[in-house]
Amino acid sequence: MKQSVLVIGLGRFGMAAARELMSIGHEVLAVDRDEALVNDIAPDVTSAVQADASDVDALEALGAADFDHAIVAISGDAQSSIFATMALRNLGVGNVVAKAGTALHGSILERVGATRVVFPELEMGTRIAHAFASRHVADYLDIAPGSGIVRFAVPDEWVGQTLDDLDIPGRGLTLIALRHGDRLVVSPAGSTPVAGGDELVVIGPDDRLDALEPG
């Protein structure tokens, strides 16, 4: 379903979010104080406007209250992001996702009404750290303290074995899916053999995930 999304702040995070939202079919209004950033994003979104989004009058003039969702992606100015989040909630925007740089910043954003607070730098740092635990970890998603989901590239030593042979449950983990090329098989049968280039999507405790290696 097509949604209308207001993206405030056109740093790397805001730019990426705005362009991806457009690519999957949503209506996007991108806003930033910097005219150069607005001009850069303009060809890639529904519309782009130079404005101070921490000013409630400016947001009203943009019709912010008519949007289904808003992303506050302001970088390097915690005060402006807090004011923008508060103004959007006061205008009645139902879903406001706000980017935070620190735990304190995130806590304040939650208090002023952010529906969801994200920490892109922290999340990326966590993913990279877990990738160092194993040369086969292609990606990591933190889902709870001490637990996560990994995309695990099948080691050469496993090629030709079946999922039953690998005994993922016996390692204290749960296999969610097998990725084979462009095809994703959810809850694959234990008799399925794995091939070079395949990836396993596995969920479980971090210490077990970090130990998911041949042997």
N, C-alpha and C. Protein backbone atom coordinates (compact mmCIF):
# COMPACT_ATOMS: atom_id res chain seq x y z
N MET A 1 0.84 -1.19 0.00
CA MET A 1 0.00 0.00 0.00
C MET A 1 0.89 1.25 0.00
N LYS A 2 0.56 2.18 -0.91
CA LYS A 2 1.35 3.41 -1.01
C LYS A 2 1.12 4.28 0.22
N GLN A 3 2.22 4.77 0.82
CA GLN A 3 2.16 5.60 2.00
C GLN A 3 2.84 6.94 1.71
N SER A 4 2.45 7.96 2.46
CA SER A 4 3.13 9.26 2.34
C SER A 4 4.09 9.41 3.50
N VAL A 5 5.34 9.76 3.17
CA VAL A 5 6.39 9.82 4.20
C VAL A 5 7.13 11.15 4.08
N LEU A 6 7.27 11.81 5.20
CA LEU A 6 8.04 13.04 5.30
C LEU A 6 9.42 12.69 5.86
N VAL A 7 10.47 12.97 5.11
CA VAL A 7 11.83 12.69 5.56
C VAL A 7 12.53 14.01 5.86
N ILE A 8 12.91 14.20 7.11
CA ILE A 8 13.53 15.44 7.56
C ILE A 8 15.00 15.19 7.89
N GLY A 9 15.88 15.88 7.21
CA GLY A 9 17.32 15.69 7.41
C GLY A 9 17.89 14.84 6.30
N LEU A 10 18.77 15.43 5.49
CA LEU A 10 19.28 14.74 4.31
C LEU A 10 20.77 14.45 4.38
N GLY A 11 21.18 13.89 5.53
CA GLY A 11 22.51 13.30 5.62
C GLY A 11 22.48 11.95 4.92
N ARG A 12 23.49 11.13 5.14
CA ARG A 12 23.55 9.82 4.47
C ARG A 12 22.33 8.96 4.80
N PHE A 13 21.94 8.96 6.10
CA PHE A 13 20.81 8.14 6.52
C PHE A 13 19.51 8.62 5.89
N GLY A 14 19.26 9.93 5.97
CA GLY A 14 18.04 10.48 5.41
C GLY A 14 17.95 10.30 3.90
N MET A 15 19.05 10.54 3.21
CA MET A 15 19.10 10.37 1.76
C MET A 15 18.78 8.93 1.37
N ALA A 16 19.42 7.99 2.07
CA ALA A 16 19.22 6.57 1.75
C ALA A 16 17.77 6.16 2.00
N ALA A 17 17.21 6.63 3.12
CA ALA A 17 15.82 6.29 3.45
C ALA A 17 14.87 6.85 2.42
N ALA A 18 15.05 8.12 2.04
CA ALA A 18 14.17 8.76 1.07
C ALA A 18 14.20 8.05 -0.28
N ARG A 19 15.41 7.73 -0.74
CA ARG A 19 15.52 7.08 -2.06
C ARG A 19 14.95 5.67 -2.04
N GLU A 20 15.18 4.94 -0.94
CA GLU A 20 14.65 3.58 -0.86
C GLU A 20 13.12 3.60 -0.78
N LEU A 21 12.57 4.53 -0.02
CA LEU A 21 11.11 4.65 0.07
C LEU A 21 10.50 4.92 -1.30
N MET A 22 11.12 5.78 -2.08
CA MET A 22 10.63 6.04 -3.44
C MET A 22 10.72 4.80 -4.30
N SER A 23 11.83 4.06 -4.16
CA SER A 23 12.05 2.89 -5.03
C SER A 23 11.02 1.80 -4.80
N ILE A 24 10.43 1.77 -3.58
CA ILE A 24 9.43 0.75 -3.29
C ILE A 24 8.01 1.29 -3.39
N GLY A 25 7.87 2.50 -3.97
CA GLY A 25 6.56 2.97 -4.36
C GLY A 25 5.84 3.93 -3.45
N HIS A 26 6.53 4.51 -2.48
CA HIS A 26 5.86 5.45 -1.58
C HIS A 26 6.03 6.89 -2.05
N GLU A 27 5.21 7.77 -1.51
CA GLU A 27 5.30 9.21 -1.79
C GLU A 27 6.20 9.85 -0.75
N VAL A 28 7.20 10.59 -1.19
CA VAL A 28 8.21 11.12 -0.26
C VAL A 28 8.40 12.62 -0.44
N LEU A 29 8.29 13.35 0.67
CA LEU A 29 8.68 14.76 0.73
C LEU A 29 9.95 14.83 1.56
N ALA A 30 11.03 15.31 0.95
CA ALA A 30 12.32 15.42 1.63
C ALA A 30 12.57 16.86 2.02
N VAL A 31 13.04 17.08 3.26
CA VAL A 31 13.21 18.43 3.80
C VAL A 31 14.58 18.57 4.46
N ASP A 32 15.25 19.69 4.19
CA ASP A 32 16.51 19.99 4.85
C ASP A 32 16.74 21.49 4.79
N ARG A 33 17.56 22.00 5.73
CA ARG A 33 17.92 23.42 5.71
C ARG A 33 18.88 23.75 4.58
N ASP A 34 19.66 22.73 4.15
CA ASP A 34 20.74 22.93 3.17
C ASP A 34 20.17 22.84 1.75
N GLU A 35 20.23 23.95 1.03
CA GLU A 35 19.68 23.99 -0.32
C GLU A 35 20.37 23.00 -1.25
N ALA A 36 21.70 22.84 -1.09
CA ALA A 36 22.43 21.92 -1.97
C ALA A 36 21.95 20.48 -1.79
N LEU A 37 21.69 20.08 -0.54
CA LEU A 37 21.19 18.73 -0.30
C LEU A 37 19.79 18.55 -0.86
N VAL A 38 18.97 19.58 -0.74
CA VAL A 38 17.61 19.53 -1.29
C VAL A 38 17.66 19.38 -2.80
N ASN A 39 18.53 20.14 -3.45
CA ASN A 39 18.66 20.04 -4.91
C ASN A 39 19.19 18.68 -5.34
N ASP A 40 20.05 18.10 -4.51
CA ASP A 40 20.63 16.79 -4.84
C ASP A 40 19.56 15.69 -4.83
N ILE A 41 18.66 15.74 -3.84
CA ILE A 41 17.67 14.68 -3.70
C ILE A 41 16.43 14.90 -4.57
N ALA A 42 16.21 16.13 -5.01
CA ALA A 42 14.97 16.49 -5.70
C ALA A 42 14.58 15.57 -6.86
N PRO A 43 15.53 15.16 -7.74
CA PRO A 43 15.11 14.29 -8.86
C PRO A 43 14.67 12.89 -8.43
N ASP A 44 14.99 12.52 -7.19
CA ASP A 44 14.77 11.14 -6.77
C ASP A 44 13.56 10.95 -5.86
N VAL A 45 12.86 12.03 -5.51
CA VAL A 45 11.71 11.94 -4.60
C VAL A 45 10.52 12.67 -5.20
N THR A 46 9.37 12.52 -4.55
CA THR A 46 8.16 13.18 -5.04
C THR A 46 8.34 14.69 -5.04
N SER A 47 8.85 15.22 -3.93
CA SER A 47 9.17 16.65 -3.84
C SER A 47 10.22 16.86 -2.76
N ALA A 48 10.94 17.97 -2.86
CA ALA A 48 11.98 18.30 -1.90
C ALA A 48 11.91 19.79 -1.61
N VAL A 49 12.04 20.15 -0.33
CA VAL A 49 11.85 21.54 0.10
C VAL A 49 12.95 21.94 1.08
N GLN A 50 13.43 23.17 0.93
CA GLN A 50 14.36 23.74 1.90
C GLN A 50 13.55 24.40 3.01
N ALA A 51 13.73 23.94 4.24
CA ALA A 51 12.97 24.50 5.36
C ALA A 51 13.61 24.10 6.67
N ASP A 52 13.30 24.84 7.73
CA ASP A 52 13.73 24.51 9.08
C ASP A 52 12.63 23.68 9.73
N ALA A 53 12.82 22.37 9.77
CA ALA A 53 11.77 21.48 10.24
C ALA A 53 11.63 21.45 11.76
N SER A 54 12.49 22.18 12.46
CA SER A 54 12.30 22.28 13.91
C SER A 54 11.31 23.38 14.26
N ASP A 55 10.85 24.12 13.24
CA ASP A 55 9.88 25.20 13.40
C ASP A 55 8.49 24.66 13.08
N VAL A 56 7.60 24.63 14.07
CA VAL A 56 6.27 24.06 13.87
C VAL A 56 5.50 24.79 12.79
N ASP A 57 5.71 26.11 12.66
CA ASP A 57 5.01 26.86 11.61
C ASP A 57 5.45 26.41 10.22
N ALA A 58 6.76 26.12 10.09
CA ALA A 58 7.27 25.64 8.81
C ALA A 58 6.69 24.27 8.47
N LEU A 59 6.58 23.40 9.49
CA LEU A 59 6.00 22.08 9.26
C LEU A 59 4.52 22.18 8.89
N GLU A 60 3.82 23.08 9.54
CA GLU A 60 2.41 23.27 9.19
C GLU A 60 2.27 23.73 7.75
N ALA A 61 3.14 24.65 7.33
CA ALA A 61 3.10 25.16 5.97
C ALA A 61 3.38 24.07 4.94
N LEU A 62 4.19 23.08 5.34
CA LEU A 62 4.51 21.95 4.45
C LEU A 62 3.39 20.91 4.40
N GLY A 63 2.40 21.05 5.28
CA GLY A 63 1.33 20.07 5.34
C GLY A 63 1.73 18.79 6.04
N ALA A 64 2.64 18.91 7.02
CA ALA A 64 3.16 17.72 7.71
C ALA A 64 2.05 16.89 8.34
N ALA A 65 0.99 17.54 8.80
CA ALA A 65 -0.09 16.81 9.47
C ALA A 65 -0.80 15.83 8.55
N ASP A 66 -0.64 16.00 7.25
CA ASP A 66 -1.33 15.13 6.29
C ASP A 66 -0.54 13.87 5.95
N PHE A 67 0.68 13.77 6.47
CA PHE A 67 1.52 12.62 6.13
C PHE A 67 1.22 11.43 7.05
N ASP A 68 1.32 10.23 6.47
CA ASP A 68 1.11 9.00 7.25
C ASP A 68 2.27 8.75 8.21
N HIS A 69 3.49 9.06 7.77
CA HIS A 69 4.70 8.75 8.53
C HIS A 69 5.70 9.89 8.39
N ALA A 70 6.62 9.95 9.34
CA ALA A 70 7.73 10.89 9.24
C ALA A 70 9.00 10.22 9.76
N ILE A 71 10.12 10.54 9.13
CA ILE A 71 11.43 10.10 9.59
C ILE A 71 12.24 11.35 9.90
N VAL A 72 12.66 11.47 11.16
CA VAL A 72 13.51 12.59 11.56
C VAL A 72 14.94 12.09 11.55
N ALA A 73 15.67 12.45 10.50
CA ALA A 73 17.02 11.93 10.29
C ALA A 73 18.07 13.02 10.42
N ILE A 74 17.76 14.05 11.20
CA ILE A 74 18.68 15.18 11.36
C ILE A 74 19.99 14.71 12.00
N SER A 75 21.10 15.07 11.38
CA SER A 75 22.41 14.64 11.87
C SER A 75 23.13 15.80 12.55
N GLY A 76 23.76 15.53 13.68
CA GLY A 76 24.64 16.50 14.31
C GLY A 76 23.97 17.64 15.05
N ASP A 77 22.66 17.60 15.21
CA ASP A 77 21.96 18.67 15.91
C ASP A 77 20.83 18.05 16.72
N ALA A 78 21.15 17.59 17.92
CA ALA A 78 20.16 16.89 18.74
C ALA A 78 18.97 17.77 19.06
N GLN A 79 19.22 19.04 19.33
CA GLN A 79 18.12 19.94 19.70
C GLN A 79 17.10 20.05 18.57
N SER A 80 17.58 20.21 17.34
CA SER A 80 16.66 20.34 16.21
C SER A 80 15.87 19.06 16.00
N SER A 81 16.52 17.91 16.17
CA SER A 81 15.80 16.65 15.97
C SER A 81 14.72 16.47 17.04
N ILE A 82 15.01 16.90 18.26
CA ILE A 82 14.03 16.79 19.35
C ILE A 82 12.84 17.71 19.07
N PHE A 83 13.13 18.96 18.68
CA PHE A 83 12.05 19.92 18.39
C PHE A 83 11.21 19.45 17.21
N ALA A 84 11.85 18.90 16.17
CA ALA A 84 11.11 18.43 15.00
C ALA A 84 10.21 17.26 15.36
N THR A 85 10.75 16.33 16.16
CA THR A 85 9.96 15.17 16.59
C THR A 85 8.75 15.61 17.40
N MET A 86 8.96 16.51 18.34
CA MET A 86 7.88 17.01 19.19
C MET A 86 6.82 17.73 18.35
N ALA A 87 7.27 18.55 17.40
CA ALA A 87 6.34 19.29 16.55
C ALA A 87 5.50 18.36 15.70
N LEU A 88 6.12 17.33 15.14
CA LEU A 88 5.38 16.36 14.31
C LEU A 88 4.31 15.64 15.11
N ARG A 89 4.65 15.25 16.31
CA ARG A 89 3.67 14.55 17.16
C ARG A 89 2.53 15.50 17.54
N ASN A 90 2.87 16.76 17.83
CA ASN A 90 1.85 17.74 18.17
C ASN A 90 0.92 18.04 17.00
N LEU A 91 1.45 17.90 15.78
CA LEU A 91 0.63 18.11 14.59
C LEU A 91 -0.23 16.89 14.25
N GLY A 92 0.00 15.78 14.95
CA GLY A 92 -0.83 14.60 14.76
C GLY A 92 -0.28 13.54 13.83
N VAL A 93 1.01 13.63 13.47
CA VAL A 93 1.60 12.57 12.64
C VAL A 93 1.66 11.30 13.49
N GLY A 94 1.04 10.23 13.01
CA GLY A 94 0.88 9.03 13.83
C GLY A 94 2.14 8.23 14.06
N ASN A 95 3.03 8.21 13.07
CA ASN A 95 4.23 7.39 13.18
C ASN A 95 5.46 8.25 12.90
N VAL A 96 6.26 8.48 13.92
CA VAL A 96 7.47 9.30 13.78
C VAL A 96 8.68 8.46 14.18
N VAL A 97 9.52 8.14 13.20
CA VAL A 97 10.76 7.40 13.45
C VAL A 97 11.88 8.42 13.53
N ALA A 98 12.64 8.40 14.62
CA ALA A 98 13.67 9.41 14.82
C ALA A 98 15.04 8.77 15.00
N LYS A 99 16.04 9.36 14.37
CA LYS A 99 17.42 8.90 14.48
C LYS A 99 18.07 9.54 15.71
N ALA A 100 18.78 8.73 16.49
CA ALA A 100 19.48 9.23 17.67
C ALA A 100 20.97 8.91 17.57
N GLY A 101 21.78 9.79 18.17
CA GLY A 101 23.22 9.56 18.17
C GLY A 101 23.73 8.96 19.46
N THR A 102 23.00 9.19 20.55
CA THR A 102 23.41 8.67 21.86
C THR A 102 22.19 8.13 22.60
N ALA A 103 22.45 7.39 23.68
CA ALA A 103 21.36 6.84 24.48
C ALA A 103 20.51 7.95 25.09
N LEU A 104 21.17 9.02 25.56
CA LEU A 104 20.43 10.14 26.14
C LEU A 104 19.55 10.81 25.10
N HIS A 105 20.11 11.04 23.93
CA HIS A 105 19.34 11.63 22.83
C HIS A 105 18.12 10.76 22.52
N GLY A 106 18.33 9.45 22.46
CA GLY A 106 17.24 8.53 22.17
C GLY A 106 16.17 8.56 23.24
N SER A 107 16.59 8.64 24.50
CA SER A 107 15.64 8.67 25.61
C SER A 107 14.76 9.92 25.53
N ILE A 108 15.37 11.04 25.18
CA ILE A 108 14.60 12.29 25.06
C ILE A 108 13.64 12.20 23.89
N LEU A 109 14.08 11.65 22.78
CA LEU A 109 13.20 11.49 21.63
C LEU A 109 11.97 10.65 21.97
N GLU A 110 12.19 9.59 22.73
CA GLU A 110 11.06 8.76 23.16
C GLU A 110 10.10 9.55 24.04
N ARG A 111 10.65 10.37 24.94
CA ARG A 111 9.83 11.14 25.87
C ARG A 111 8.99 12.19 25.15
N VAL A 112 9.51 12.74 24.04
CA VAL A 112 8.75 13.77 23.34
C VAL A 112 7.83 13.18 22.27
N GLY A 113 7.78 11.85 22.18
CA GLY A 113 6.77 11.24 21.34
C GLY A 113 7.20 10.41 20.17
N ALA A 114 8.52 10.21 19.96
CA ALA A 114 8.94 9.38 18.84
C ALA A 114 8.35 7.98 18.96
N THR A 115 7.76 7.50 17.88
CA THR A 115 7.19 6.16 17.86
C THR A 115 8.28 5.10 17.93
N ARG A 116 9.37 5.39 17.25
CA ARG A 116 10.51 4.47 17.24
C ARG A 116 11.79 5.28 17.14
N VAL A 117 12.80 4.88 17.89
CA VAL A 117 14.11 5.53 17.84
C VAL A 117 15.12 4.54 17.27
N VAL A 118 15.90 4.99 16.31
CA VAL A 118 16.91 4.11 15.71
C VAL A 118 18.30 4.71 15.94
N PHE A 119 19.28 3.83 16.02
CA PHE A 119 20.68 4.23 16.25
C PHE A 119 21.52 3.64 15.11
N PRO A 120 21.51 4.25 13.93
CA PRO A 120 22.19 3.67 12.76
C PRO A 120 23.67 3.37 12.98
N GLU A 121 24.41 4.31 13.59
CA GLU A 121 25.84 4.08 13.79
C GLU A 121 26.09 2.93 14.75
N LEU A 122 25.33 2.90 15.86
CA LEU A 122 25.48 1.83 16.83
C LEU A 122 25.12 0.48 16.22
N GLU A 123 24.02 0.45 15.46
CA GLU A 123 23.59 -0.81 14.86
C GLU A 123 24.60 -1.31 13.84
N MET A 124 25.16 -0.39 13.05
CA MET A 124 26.16 -0.81 12.06
C MET A 124 27.43 -1.29 12.76
N GLY A 125 27.82 -0.60 13.84
CA GLY A 125 29.00 -1.04 14.59
C GLY A 125 28.82 -2.43 15.15
N THR A 126 27.63 -2.72 15.66
CA THR A 126 27.33 -4.05 16.20
C THR A 126 27.42 -5.10 15.10
N ARG A 127 26.87 -4.79 13.93
CA ARG A 127 26.90 -5.76 12.82
C ARG A 127 28.33 -6.05 12.39
N ILE A 128 29.14 -5.00 12.30
CA ILE A 128 30.53 -5.19 11.87
C ILE A 128 31.30 -6.01 12.91
N ALA A 129 31.07 -5.71 14.19
CA ALA A 129 31.77 -6.44 15.25
C ALA A 129 31.49 -7.93 15.17
N HIS A 130 30.23 -8.30 14.95
CA HIS A 130 29.88 -9.72 14.87
C HIS A 130 30.43 -10.37 13.60
N ALA A 131 30.60 -9.58 12.56
CA ALA A 131 31.19 -10.14 11.34
C ALA A 131 32.63 -10.56 11.56
N PHE A 132 33.32 -9.91 12.51
CA PHE A 132 34.70 -10.28 12.81
C PHE A 132 34.77 -11.61 13.57
N ALA A 133 33.66 -12.03 14.21
CA ALA A 133 33.68 -13.25 14.99
C ALA A 133 33.86 -14.48 14.09
N SER A 134 33.43 -14.36 12.84
CA SER A 134 33.55 -15.47 11.92
C SER A 134 33.72 -14.93 10.51
N ARG A 135 34.61 -15.52 9.76
CA ARG A 135 34.80 -15.05 8.39
C ARG A 135 33.62 -15.38 7.50
N HIS A 136 32.69 -16.21 8.00
CA HIS A 136 31.54 -16.63 7.19
C HIS A 136 30.27 -15.83 7.48
N VAL A 137 30.30 -14.95 8.48
CA VAL A 137 29.11 -14.14 8.80
C VAL A 137 29.01 -13.00 7.79
N ALA A 138 27.93 -13.03 6.97
CA ALA A 138 27.73 -12.00 5.96
C ALA A 138 26.98 -10.81 6.52
N ASP A 139 26.13 -11.03 7.53
CA ASP A 139 25.37 -9.94 8.13
C ASP A 139 24.84 -10.40 9.48
N TYR A 140 24.57 -9.43 10.35
CA TYR A 140 24.08 -9.72 11.70
C TYR A 140 23.00 -8.72 12.06
N LEU A 141 21.93 -9.19 12.70
CA LEU A 141 20.86 -8.32 13.18
C LEU A 141 20.63 -8.61 14.65
N ASP A 142 20.79 -7.59 15.48
CA ASP A 142 20.56 -7.71 16.92
C ASP A 142 19.05 -7.69 17.16
N ILE A 143 18.50 -8.71 17.83
CA ILE A 143 17.06 -8.77 18.06
C ILE A 143 16.69 -8.70 19.54
N ALA A 144 17.64 -8.96 20.42
CA ALA A 144 17.42 -8.90 21.87
C ALA A 144 18.79 -8.96 22.53
N PRO A 145 18.90 -8.54 23.80
CA PRO A 145 20.20 -8.61 24.47
C PRO A 145 20.78 -10.02 24.43
N GLY A 146 21.95 -10.14 23.81
CA GLY A 146 22.61 -11.45 23.76
C GLY A 146 22.11 -12.39 22.69
N SER A 147 21.25 -11.93 21.79
CA SER A 147 20.71 -12.80 20.74
C SER A 147 20.60 -12.04 19.42
N GLY A 148 20.68 -12.78 18.32
CA GLY A 148 20.59 -12.14 17.02
C GLY A 148 20.29 -13.12 15.91
N ILE A 149 20.29 -12.58 14.70
CA ILE A 149 20.09 -13.36 13.48
C ILE A 149 21.29 -13.12 12.59
N VAL A 150 21.84 -14.18 11.99
CA VAL A 150 22.95 -14.00 11.06
C VAL A 150 22.63 -14.61 9.70
N ARG A 151 23.24 -13.99 8.67
CA ARG A 151 23.35 -14.64 7.36
C ARG A 151 24.74 -15.25 7.32
N PHE A 152 24.80 -16.56 7.19
CA PHE A 152 26.05 -17.30 7.33
C PHE A 152 26.37 -17.97 6.00
N ALA A 153 27.47 -17.57 5.40
CA ALA A 153 27.88 -18.17 4.13
C ALA A 153 28.36 -19.60 4.35
N VAL A 154 27.85 -20.52 3.56
CA VAL A 154 28.20 -21.93 3.72
C VAL A 154 29.70 -22.14 3.46
N PRO A 155 30.44 -22.66 4.44
CA PRO A 155 31.87 -22.92 4.25
C PRO A 155 32.10 -24.04 3.23
N ASP A 156 33.26 -24.05 2.63
CA ASP A 156 33.58 -25.09 1.65
C ASP A 156 33.45 -26.48 2.26
N GLU A 157 33.78 -26.60 3.56
CA GLU A 157 33.74 -27.90 4.22
C GLU A 157 32.31 -28.46 4.33
N TRP A 158 31.32 -27.61 4.20
CA TRP A 158 29.93 -28.06 4.34
C TRP A 158 29.26 -28.39 3.00
N VAL A 159 29.88 -27.97 1.90
CA VAL A 159 29.25 -28.16 0.59
C VAL A 159 29.00 -29.64 0.34
N GLY A 160 27.78 -29.96 -0.09
CA GLY A 160 27.39 -31.33 -0.37
C GLY A 160 26.71 -32.03 0.79
N GLN A 161 26.85 -31.50 2.00
CA GLN A 161 26.16 -32.07 3.15
C GLN A 161 24.72 -31.60 3.19
N THR A 162 23.86 -32.36 3.87
CA THR A 162 22.48 -31.94 4.03
C THR A 162 22.35 -31.10 5.30
N LEU A 163 21.22 -30.45 5.43
CA LEU A 163 20.97 -29.66 6.64
C LEU A 163 20.91 -30.57 7.86
N ASP A 164 20.40 -31.76 7.70
CA ASP A 164 20.41 -32.72 8.81
C ASP A 164 21.83 -33.04 9.24
N ASP A 165 22.74 -33.18 8.25
CA ASP A 165 24.14 -33.46 8.57
C ASP A 165 24.75 -32.32 9.39
N LEU A 166 24.37 -31.10 9.07
CA LEU A 166 24.94 -29.93 9.76
C LEU A 166 24.41 -29.80 11.18
N ASP A 167 23.23 -30.33 11.44
CA ASP A 167 22.63 -30.36 12.78
C ASP A 167 22.66 -28.98 13.45
N ILE A 168 22.04 -28.00 12.80
CA ILE A 168 21.98 -26.65 13.36
C ILE A 168 21.28 -26.64 14.72
N PRO A 169 20.16 -27.37 14.90
CA PRO A 169 19.51 -27.40 16.22
C PRO A 169 20.43 -27.95 17.32
N GLY A 170 21.27 -28.91 16.94
CA GLY A 170 22.20 -29.47 17.92
C GLY A 170 23.27 -28.50 18.36
N ARG A 171 23.41 -27.42 17.62
CA ARG A 171 24.37 -26.37 17.97
C ARG A 171 23.70 -25.28 18.83
N GLY A 172 22.44 -25.52 19.21
CA GLY A 172 21.72 -24.55 20.03
C GLY A 172 21.15 -23.39 19.25
N LEU A 173 20.91 -23.60 17.94
CA LEU A 173 20.44 -22.54 17.05
C LEU A 173 19.22 -23.01 16.27
N THR A 174 18.53 -22.06 15.67
CA THR A 174 17.36 -22.38 14.85
C THR A 174 17.58 -21.86 13.44
N LEU A 175 17.44 -22.76 12.48
CA LEU A 175 17.58 -22.39 11.07
C LEU A 175 16.26 -21.81 10.57
N ILE A 176 16.30 -20.58 10.09
CA ILE A 176 15.10 -19.91 9.59
C ILE A 176 14.91 -20.15 8.10
N ALA A 177 16.01 -20.03 7.35
CA ALA A 177 15.88 -20.12 5.89
C ALA A 177 17.22 -20.47 5.26
N LEU A 178 17.15 -20.92 4.02
CA LEU A 178 18.32 -21.19 3.19
C LEU A 178 18.23 -20.31 1.96
N ARG A 179 19.27 -19.54 1.71
CA ARG A 179 19.30 -18.71 0.51
C ARG A 179 20.18 -19.38 -0.54
N HIS A 180 19.58 -19.65 -1.69
CA HIS A 180 20.29 -20.29 -2.79
C HIS A 180 20.16 -19.38 -4.01
N GLY A 181 21.23 -18.64 -4.31
CA GLY A 181 21.15 -17.66 -5.39
C GLY A 181 20.13 -16.59 -5.04
N ASP A 182 19.17 -16.38 -5.94
CA ASP A 182 18.11 -15.40 -5.70
C ASP A 182 16.90 -16.01 -5.01
N ARG A 183 16.97 -17.27 -4.67
CA ARG A 183 15.81 -17.97 -4.09
C ARG A 183 16.00 -18.15 -2.59
N LEU A 184 14.97 -17.82 -1.83
CA LEU A 184 14.99 -17.99 -0.38
C LEU A 184 13.99 -19.08 0.00
N VAL A 185 14.48 -20.12 0.64
CA VAL A 185 13.63 -21.23 1.08
C VAL A 185 13.46 -21.13 2.59
N VAL A 186 12.24 -20.85 3.04
CA VAL A 186 11.96 -20.72 4.46
C VAL A 186 11.68 -22.10 5.04
N SER A 187 12.26 -22.37 6.20
CA SER A 187 12.12 -23.67 6.89
C SER A 187 12.42 -24.82 5.93
N PRO A 188 13.61 -24.86 5.36
CA PRO A 188 13.94 -25.91 4.38
C PRO A 188 13.97 -27.29 5.03
N ALA A 189 13.71 -28.30 4.23
CA ALA A 189 13.71 -29.68 4.71
C ALA A 189 15.13 -30.09 5.11
N GLY A 190 15.21 -30.96 6.11
CA GLY A 190 16.50 -31.43 6.60
C GLY A 190 17.29 -32.18 5.55
N SER A 191 16.61 -32.74 4.56
CA SER A 191 17.29 -33.51 3.52
C SER A 191 17.91 -32.62 2.43
N THR A 192 17.71 -31.29 2.55
CA THR A 192 18.21 -30.36 1.54
C THR A 192 19.74 -30.28 1.60
N PRO A 193 20.42 -30.53 0.48
CA PRO A 193 21.89 -30.36 0.48
C PRO A 193 22.26 -28.90 0.31
N VAL A 194 23.41 -28.51 0.84
CA VAL A 194 23.87 -27.13 0.67
C VAL A 194 24.96 -27.09 -0.38
N ALA A 195 25.00 -25.96 -1.10
CA ALA A 195 25.94 -25.81 -2.20
C ALA A 195 26.83 -24.60 -1.96
N GLY A 196 27.92 -24.52 -2.70
CA GLY A 196 28.79 -23.36 -2.61
C GLY A 196 28.03 -22.09 -2.98
N GLY A 197 28.22 -21.05 -2.22
CA GLY A 197 27.50 -19.80 -2.47
C GLY A 197 26.19 -19.68 -1.71
N ASP A 198 25.71 -20.78 -1.11
CA ASP A 198 24.48 -20.73 -0.31
C ASP A 198 24.73 -19.95 0.99
N GLU A 199 23.64 -19.45 1.56
CA GLU A 199 23.70 -18.81 2.87
C GLU A 199 22.61 -19.37 3.76
N LEU A 200 22.93 -19.54 5.04
CA LEU A 200 21.96 -19.97 6.04
C LEU A 200 21.54 -18.75 6.85
N VAL A 201 20.25 -18.62 7.09
CA VAL A 201 19.74 -17.56 7.96
C VAL A 201 19.38 -18.23 9.28
N VAL A 202 20.13 -17.86 10.33
CA VAL A 202 20.07 -18.58 11.60
C VAL A 202 19.83 -17.62 12.75
N ILE A 203 19.01 -18.05 13.73
CA ILE A 203 18.72 -17.23 14.90
C ILE A 203 19.15 -17.96 16.17
N GLY A 204 19.64 -17.20 17.16
CA GLY A 204 20.02 -17.83 18.42
C GLY A 204 20.87 -16.93 19.28
N PRO A 205 21.41 -17.46 20.39
CA PRO A 205 22.28 -16.68 21.28
C PRO A 205 23.57 -16.28 20.56
N ASP A 206 24.08 -15.10 20.89
CA ASP A 206 25.27 -14.60 20.22
C ASP A 206 26.47 -15.54 20.34
N ASP A 207 26.67 -16.13 21.53
CA ASP A 207 27.84 -16.99 21.69
C ASP A 207 27.76 -18.22 20.80
N ARG A 208 26.55 -18.72 20.61
CA ARG A 208 26.36 -19.88 19.71
C ARG A 208 26.53 -19.46 18.25
N LEU A 209 26.03 -18.28 17.91
CA LEU A 209 26.19 -17.79 16.54
C LEU A 209 27.65 -17.58 16.21
N ASP A 210 28.40 -17.02 17.18
CA ASP A 210 29.82 -16.75 16.94
C ASP A 210 30.61 -18.04 16.77
N ALA A 211 30.08 -19.14 17.32
CA ALA A 211 30.78 -20.43 17.24
C ALA A 211 30.32 -21.29 16.06
N LEU A 212 29.47 -20.72 15.20
CA LEU A 212 28.93 -21.49 14.08
C LEU A 212 30.00 -21.59 12.98
N GLU A 213 30.79 -22.63 13.08
CA GLU A 213 31.91 -22.86 12.17
C GLU A 213 31.98 -24.34 11.84
N PRO A 214 32.70 -24.71 10.77
CA PRO A 214 32.88 -26.12 10.45
C PRO A 214 33.48 -26.90 11.63
N GLY A 215 33.04 -28.12 11.77
CA GLY A 215 33.58 -28.94 12.83
C GLY A 215 32.54 -29.43 13.80
